[in-house]
Amino acid sequence: MTGSGLPHCDADDLRLLNVLAYDGRTGLTELAAATGWSPSTVRRRMDDLQAQGALHFYTEFDVAYLGYRAGTRLWASVPPAELTAAGEALASHPEVVFAAATTGPTNLAATVICTDAHDTFRYLTQRLAALPAITHVETTPIIQTRNASAVSCGPPSTAEACAGDRFLRPGERDSGSRLTFTR
């Protein structure tokens, strides 16, 4: 983590954020030991970082418990001038749990969660097809998710460059690439 672009984030904050990046479940006592602060200072600083938008918490769980058993990765092509509007429209769909603008021939990526294969087909042929800016889409079903609840990257000092699961795009070969997690 570099801290660039983070509001009011100094070296002490980076130490705190690196420990949380390694394990977001780390308790106040352990965070206090890692930063040299008191637990009340840690709590206050975490509250400040959250309020400034530098610290976010997300919860992951198995959506199959809610009846959603068909996850799909989407890679879509959109003319650059329409990318923002198309991305915002796509992200507003309740089936979309992640959407991002990317570079390359497919410049809009998303993860869609549906109840089953039929529901996924309906989503692709009705809701997604209703977005006129999307000129091409490729899909990959999510067969298995590994390490969704935690990413083990080693100690916080090495959390910036760790291996993780990698999903291949259609037609792409696995080159053994590593993902780099940076801010």
C-alpha atoms as a PDB file:
ATOM      1  CA  MET A   1       0.000   0.000   0.000  1.00  0.00           C
ATOM      2  CA  THR A   2       1.320   3.399  -0.838  1.00  0.00           C
ATOM      3  CA  GLY A   3      -1.170   5.769   0.731  1.00  0.00           C
ATOM      4  CA  SER A   4      -1.260   7.942  -2.378  1.00  0.00           C
ATOM      5  CA  GLY A   5      -4.767   9.167  -2.931  1.00  0.00           C
ATOM      6  CA  LEU A   6      -5.842   8.302   0.598  1.00  0.00           C
ATOM      7  CA  PRO A   7      -7.049  11.344   2.525  1.00  0.00           C
ATOM      8  CA  HIS A   8      -4.988  12.186   5.626  1.00  0.00           C
ATOM      9  CA  CYS A   9      -3.160   8.863   5.597  1.00  0.00           C
ATOM     10  CA  ASP A  10       0.289   8.889   7.188  1.00  0.00           C
ATOM     11  CA  ALA A  11       2.879   6.185   7.907  1.00  0.00           C
ATOM     12  CA  ASP A  12       1.151   5.227  11.180  1.00  0.00           C
ATOM     13  CA  ASP A  13      -2.159   4.829   9.351  1.00  0.00           C
ATOM     14  CA  LEU A  14      -0.454   2.644   6.744  1.00  0.00           C
ATOM     15  CA  ARG A  15       0.827   0.348   9.491  1.00  0.00           C
ATOM     16  CA  LEU A  16      -2.747   0.014  10.769  1.00  0.00           C
ATOM     17  CA  LEU A  17      -4.162  -0.490   7.254  1.00  0.00           C
ATOM     18  CA  ASN A  18      -1.547  -3.119   6.378  1.00  0.00           C
ATOM     19  CA  VAL A  19      -2.435  -5.170   9.458  1.00  0.00           C
ATOM     20  CA  LEU A  20      -6.135  -4.919   8.547  1.00  0.00           C
ATOM     21  CA  ALA A  21      -5.368  -5.826   4.912  1.00  0.00           C
ATOM     22  CA  TYR A  22      -3.659  -8.974   6.149  1.00  0.00           C
ATOM     23  CA  ASP A  23      -6.602  -9.909   8.396  1.00  0.00           C
ATOM     24  CA  GLY A  24      -9.616  -7.617   8.614  1.00  0.00           C
ATOM     25  CA  ARG A  25     -10.772  -9.479  11.722  1.00  0.00           C
ATOM     26  CA  THR A  26      -7.777  -8.360  13.805  1.00  0.00           C
ATOM     27  CA  GLY A  27      -8.969  -7.147  17.210  1.00  0.00           C
ATOM     28  CA  LEU A  28      -8.308  -3.782  18.819  1.00  0.00           C
ATOM     29  CA  THR A  29      -5.742  -5.216  21.243  1.00  0.00           C
ATOM     30  CA  GLU A  30      -3.685  -6.715  18.408  1.00  0.00           C
ATOM     31  CA  LEU A  31      -4.034  -3.537  16.319  1.00  0.00           C
ATOM     32  CA  ALA A  32      -2.870  -1.485  19.299  1.00  0.00           C
ATOM     33  CA  ALA A  33       0.197  -3.722  19.688  1.00  0.00           C
ATOM     34  CA  ALA A  34       1.003  -3.462  15.970  1.00  0.00           C
ATOM     35  CA  THR A  35       0.694   0.335  15.894  1.00  0.00           C
ATOM     36  CA  GLY A  36       1.959   1.241  19.358  1.00  0.00           C
ATOM     37  CA  TRP A  37      -1.319   3.060  20.033  1.00  0.00           C
ATOM     38  CA  SER A  38      -3.854   2.482  22.786  1.00  0.00           C
ATOM     39  CA  PRO A  39      -6.992   0.530  21.822  1.00  0.00           C
ATOM     40  CA  SER A  40      -9.067   3.721  22.149  1.00  0.00           C
ATOM     41  CA  THR A  41      -6.702   5.538  19.745  1.00  0.00           C
ATOM     42  CA  VAL A  42      -6.974   2.653  17.288  1.00  0.00           C
ATOM     43  CA  ARG A  43     -10.794   2.780  17.440  1.00  0.00           C
ATOM     44  CA  ARG A  44     -10.824   6.576  17.027  1.00  0.00           C
ATOM     45  CA  ARG A  45      -8.373   6.442  14.072  1.00  0.00           C
ATOM     46  CA  MET A  46     -10.367   3.654  12.414  1.00  0.00           C
ATOM     47  CA  ASP A  47     -13.536   5.740  12.792  1.00  0.00           C
ATOM     48  CA  ASP A  48     -11.734   8.733  11.224  1.00  0.00           C
ATOM     49  CA  LEU A  49     -10.395   6.634   8.315  1.00  0.00           C
ATOM     50  CA  GLN A  50     -13.882   5.232   7.694  1.00  0.00           C
ATOM     51  CA  ALA A  51     -15.428   8.698   7.725  1.00  0.00           C
ATOM     52  CA  GLN A  52     -12.800   9.911   5.223  1.00  0.00           C
ATOM     53  CA  GLY A  53     -13.427   6.969   2.905  1.00  0.00           C
ATOM     54  CA  ALA A  54      -9.949   5.454   3.368  1.00  0.00           C
ATOM     55  CA  LEU A  55     -11.206   2.365   5.245  1.00  0.00           C
ATOM     56  CA  HIS A  56     -14.104   0.137   4.174  1.00  0.00           C
ATOM     57  CA  PHE A  57     -15.419  -3.117   5.567  1.00  0.00           C
ATOM     58  CA  TYR A  58     -17.074  -5.782   3.444  1.00  0.00           C
ATOM     59  CA  THR A  59     -18.655  -9.056   4.436  1.00  0.00           C
ATOM     60  CA  GLU A  60     -18.475 -12.112   2.219  1.00  0.00           C
ATOM     61  CA  PHE A  61     -20.672 -15.135   2.672  1.00  0.00           C
ATOM     62  CA  ASP A  62     -21.930 -18.059   0.632  1.00  0.00           C
ATOM     63  CA  VAL A  63     -24.901 -16.635  -1.310  1.00  0.00           C
ATOM     64  CA  ALA A  64     -26.170 -20.193  -1.885  1.00  0.00           C
ATOM     65  CA  TYR A  65     -27.729 -19.865   1.581  1.00  0.00           C
ATOM     66  CA  LEU A  66     -29.996 -17.216   0.064  1.00  0.00           C
ATOM     67  CA  GLY A  67     -30.891 -19.374  -2.930  1.00  0.00           C
ATOM     68  CA  TYR A  68     -28.389 -17.922  -5.424  1.00  0.00           C
ATOM     69  CA  ARG A  69     -26.536 -20.825  -7.002  1.00  0.00           C
ATOM     70  CA  ALA A  70     -25.433 -19.490 -10.396  1.00  0.00           C
ATOM     71  CA  GLY A  71     -22.585 -17.002 -10.473  1.00  0.00           C
ATOM     72  CA  THR A  72     -21.249 -15.712 -13.789  1.00  0.00           C
ATOM     73  CA  ARG A  73     -18.382 -13.432 -14.796  1.00  0.00           C
ATOM     74  CA  LEU A  74     -19.187 -11.047 -17.651  1.00  0.00           C
ATOM     75  CA  TRP A  75     -16.786  -9.266 -20.000  1.00  0.00           C
ATOM     76  CA  ALA A  76     -18.524  -6.707 -22.194  1.00  0.00           C
ATOM     77  CA  SER A  77     -17.463  -4.330 -24.937  1.00  0.00           C
ATOM     78  CA  VAL A  78     -18.811  -0.795 -24.850  1.00  0.00           C
ATOM     79  CA  PRO A  79     -17.805   2.268 -26.907  1.00  0.00           C
ATOM     80  CA  PRO A  80     -15.577   4.418 -24.635  1.00  0.00           C
ATOM     81  CA  ALA A  81     -17.914   7.412 -24.837  1.00  0.00           C
ATOM     82  CA  GLU A  82     -20.719   5.296 -23.377  1.00  0.00           C
ATOM     83  CA  LEU A  83     -18.683   3.378 -20.786  1.00  0.00           C
ATOM     84  CA  THR A  84     -19.642   5.441 -17.732  1.00  0.00           C
ATOM     85  CA  ALA A  85     -23.382   5.344 -18.445  1.00  0.00           C
ATOM     86  CA  ALA A  86     -23.329   1.650 -19.358  1.00  0.00           C
ATOM     87  CA  GLY A  87     -21.291   0.796 -16.264  1.00  0.00           C
ATOM     88  CA  GLU A  88     -23.633   2.721 -13.985  1.00  0.00           C
ATOM     89  CA  ALA A  89     -26.678   1.083 -15.583  1.00  0.00           C
ATOM     90  CA  LEU A  90     -25.124  -2.378 -15.256  1.00  0.00           C
ATOM     91  CA  ALA A  91     -24.108  -1.755 -11.629  1.00  0.00           C
ATOM     92  CA  SER A  92     -27.700  -0.774 -10.793  1.00  0.00           C
ATOM     93  CA  HIS A  93     -28.989  -4.269 -11.640  1.00  0.00           C
ATOM     94  CA  PRO A  94     -29.711  -6.207  -8.439  1.00  0.00           C
ATOM     95  CA  GLU A  95     -28.074  -9.315  -9.959  1.00  0.00           C
ATOM     96  CA  VAL A  96     -24.734  -7.506 -10.305  1.00  0.00           C
ATOM     97  CA  VAL A  97     -22.530  -7.816  -7.229  1.00  0.00           C
ATOM     98  CA  PHE A  98     -19.420  -6.292  -8.840  1.00  0.00           C
ATOM     99  CA  ALA A  99     -18.863  -4.075 -11.868  1.00  0.00           C
ATOM    100  CA  ALA A 100     -15.735  -2.286 -13.092  1.00  0.00           C
ATOM    101  CA  ALA A 101     -14.409  -0.461 -16.117  1.00  0.00           C
ATOM    102  CA  THR A 102     -11.322  -2.133 -17.545  1.00  0.00           C
ATOM    103  CA  THR A 103      -9.030  -1.730 -20.540  1.00  0.00           C
ATOM    104  CA  GLY A 104      -8.800  -3.812 -23.665  1.00  0.00           C
ATOM    105  CA  PRO A 105     -11.324  -5.214 -26.115  1.00  0.00           C
ATOM    106  CA  THR A 106     -13.736  -5.953 -23.276  1.00  0.00           C
ATOM    107  CA  ASN A 107     -13.797  -2.796 -21.181  1.00  0.00           C
ATOM    108  CA  LEU A 108     -16.591  -3.569 -18.729  1.00  0.00           C
ATOM    109  CA  ALA A 109     -16.333  -6.491 -16.293  1.00  0.00           C
ATOM    110  CA  ALA A 110     -18.992  -7.714 -13.889  1.00  0.00           C
ATOM    111  CA  THR A 111     -19.975 -10.556 -11.607  1.00  0.00           C
ATOM    112  CA  VAL A 112     -23.619 -11.598 -11.700  1.00  0.00           C
ATOM    113  CA  ILE A 113     -25.366 -13.827  -9.160  1.00  0.00           C
ATOM    114  CA  CYS A 114     -28.635 -15.549 -10.138  1.00  0.00           C
ATOM    115  CA  THR A 115     -30.745 -18.316  -8.656  1.00  0.00           C
ATOM    116  CA  ASP A 116     -30.014 -20.896 -11.378  1.00  0.00           C
ATOM    117  CA  ALA A 117     -28.945 -21.324 -15.012  1.00  0.00           C
ATOM    118  CA  HIS A 118     -32.410 -20.401 -16.303  1.00  0.00           C
ATOM    119  CA  ASP A 119     -32.381 -17.186 -14.272  1.00  0.00           C
ATOM    120  CA  THR A 120     -28.909 -16.397 -15.638  1.00  0.00           C
ATOM    121  CA  PHE A 121     -30.170 -16.939 -19.194  1.00  0.00           C
ATOM    122  CA  ARG A 122     -33.118 -14.609 -18.541  1.00  0.00           C
ATOM    123  CA  TYR A 123     -30.742 -12.000 -17.131  1.00  0.00           C
ATOM    124  CA  LEU A 124     -28.434 -12.180 -20.161  1.00  0.00           C
ATOM    125  CA  THR A 125     -31.200 -12.164 -22.784  1.00  0.00           C
ATOM    126  CA  GLN A 126     -33.482  -9.599 -21.155  1.00  0.00           C
ATOM    127  CA  ARG A 127     -31.880  -7.221 -18.643  1.00  0.00           C
ATOM    128  CA  LEU A 128     -28.339  -7.194 -20.028  1.00  0.00           C
ATOM    129  CA  ALA A 129     -29.563  -7.235 -23.632  1.00  0.00           C
ATOM    130  CA  ALA A 130     -31.625  -4.112 -22.851  1.00  0.00           C
ATOM    131  CA  LEU A 131     -28.418  -2.073 -22.425  1.00  0.00           C
ATOM    132  CA  PRO A 132     -27.936  -0.740 -25.970  1.00  0.00           C
ATOM    133  CA  ALA A 133     -24.322   0.395 -25.475  1.00  0.00           C
ATOM    134  CA  ILE A 134     -23.090  -3.170 -24.932  1.00  0.00           C
ATOM    135  CA  THR A 135     -21.950  -4.414 -28.325  1.00  0.00           C
ATOM    136  CA  HIS A 136     -20.436  -7.743 -27.265  1.00  0.00           C
ATOM    137  CA  VAL A 137     -20.438  -9.870 -24.119  1.00  0.00           C
ATOM    138  CA  GLU A 138     -18.602 -13.013 -23.053  1.00  0.00           C
ATOM    139  CA  THR A 139     -19.542 -15.038 -20.000  1.00  0.00           C
ATOM    140  CA  THR A 140     -17.828 -17.563 -17.776  1.00  0.00           C
ATOM    141  CA  PRO A 141     -19.786 -19.508 -15.169  1.00  0.00           C
ATOM    142  CA  ILE A 142     -18.299 -19.564 -11.687  1.00  0.00           C
ATOM    143  CA  ILE A 143     -17.955 -23.229 -10.866  1.00  0.00           C
ATOM    144  CA  GLN A 144     -16.129 -22.882  -7.545  1.00  0.00           C
ATOM    145  CA  THR A 145     -14.947 -19.992  -5.410  1.00  0.00           C
ATOM    146  CA  ARG A 146     -11.829 -20.583  -3.377  1.00  0.00           C
ATOM    147  CA  ASN A 147     -10.632 -18.527  -0.412  1.00  0.00           C
ATOM    148  CA  ALA A 148     -13.532 -16.097  -0.692  1.00  0.00           C
ATOM    149  CA  SER A 149     -13.587 -15.280   2.996  1.00  0.00           C
ATOM    150  CA  ALA A 150      -9.884 -14.518   3.370  1.00  0.00           C
ATOM    151  CA  VAL A 151      -6.797 -13.907   1.308  1.00  0.00           C
ATOM    152  CA  SER A 152      -3.665 -15.139   2.981  1.00  0.00           C
ATOM    153  CA  CYS A 153      -0.812 -12.965   1.795  1.00  0.00           C
ATOM    154  CA  GLY A 154       1.745 -13.627   4.497  1.00  0.00           C
ATOM    155  CA  PRO A 155       2.780 -11.040   7.029  1.00  0.00           C
ATOM    156  CA  PRO A 156       1.570  -7.457   6.483  1.00  0.00           C
ATOM    157  CA  SER A 157       4.968  -6.405   5.109  1.00  0.00           C
ATOM    158  CA  THR A 158       4.461  -8.727   2.121  1.00  0.00           C
ATOM    159  CA  ALA A 159       0.738  -8.150   1.645  1.00  0.00           C
ATOM    160  CA  GLU A 160       1.374  -5.989  -1.412  1.00  0.00           C
ATOM    161  CA  ALA A 161       2.541  -8.840  -3.629  1.00  0.00           C
ATOM    162  CA  CYS A 162       0.783 -12.097  -2.995  1.00  0.00           C
ATOM    163  CA  ALA A 163      -0.618 -14.863  -5.112  1.00  0.00           C
ATOM    164  CA  GLY A 164      -4.358 -15.302  -5.283  1.00  0.00           C
ATOM    165  CA  ASP A 165      -7.021 -17.049  -7.289  1.00  0.00           C
ATOM    166  CA  ARG A 166      -7.066 -15.910 -10.878  1.00  0.00           C
ATOM    167  CA  PHE A 167     -10.040 -16.169 -13.181  1.00  0.00           C
ATOM    168  CA  LEU A 168      -9.172 -16.535 -16.849  1.00  0.00           C
ATOM    169  CA  ARG A 169     -10.952 -14.548 -19.500  1.00  0.00           C
ATOM    170  CA  PRO A 170     -12.418 -16.513 -22.406  1.00  0.00           C
ATOM    171  CA  GLY A 171      -9.618 -17.644 -24.721  1.00  0.00           C
ATOM    172  CA  GLU A 172      -6.884 -16.681 -22.249  1.00  0.00           C
ATOM    173  CA  ARG A 173      -4.263 -19.213 -21.202  1.00  0.00           C
ATOM    174  CA  ASP A 174      -2.992 -19.529 -17.680  1.00  0.00           C
ATOM    175  CA  SER A 175       0.517 -18.100 -17.695  1.00  0.00           C
ATOM    176  CA  GLY A 176       0.998 -18.585 -13.975  1.00  0.00           C
ATOM    177  CA  SER A 177       0.672 -14.836 -13.440  1.00  0.00           C
ATOM    178  CA  ARG A 178       0.455 -13.446  -9.956  1.00  0.00           C
ATOM    179  CA  LEU A 179      -2.106 -10.933  -8.893  1.00  0.00           C
ATOM    180  CA  THR A 180      -0.807  -7.892  -7.096  1.00  0.00           C
ATOM    181  CA  PHE A 181      -2.973  -6.318  -4.442  1.00  0.00           C
ATOM    182  CA  THR A 182      -2.189  -2.621  -4.116  1.00  0.00           C
ATOM    183  CA  ARG A 183      -4.111   0.500  -3.393  1.00  0.00           C
END
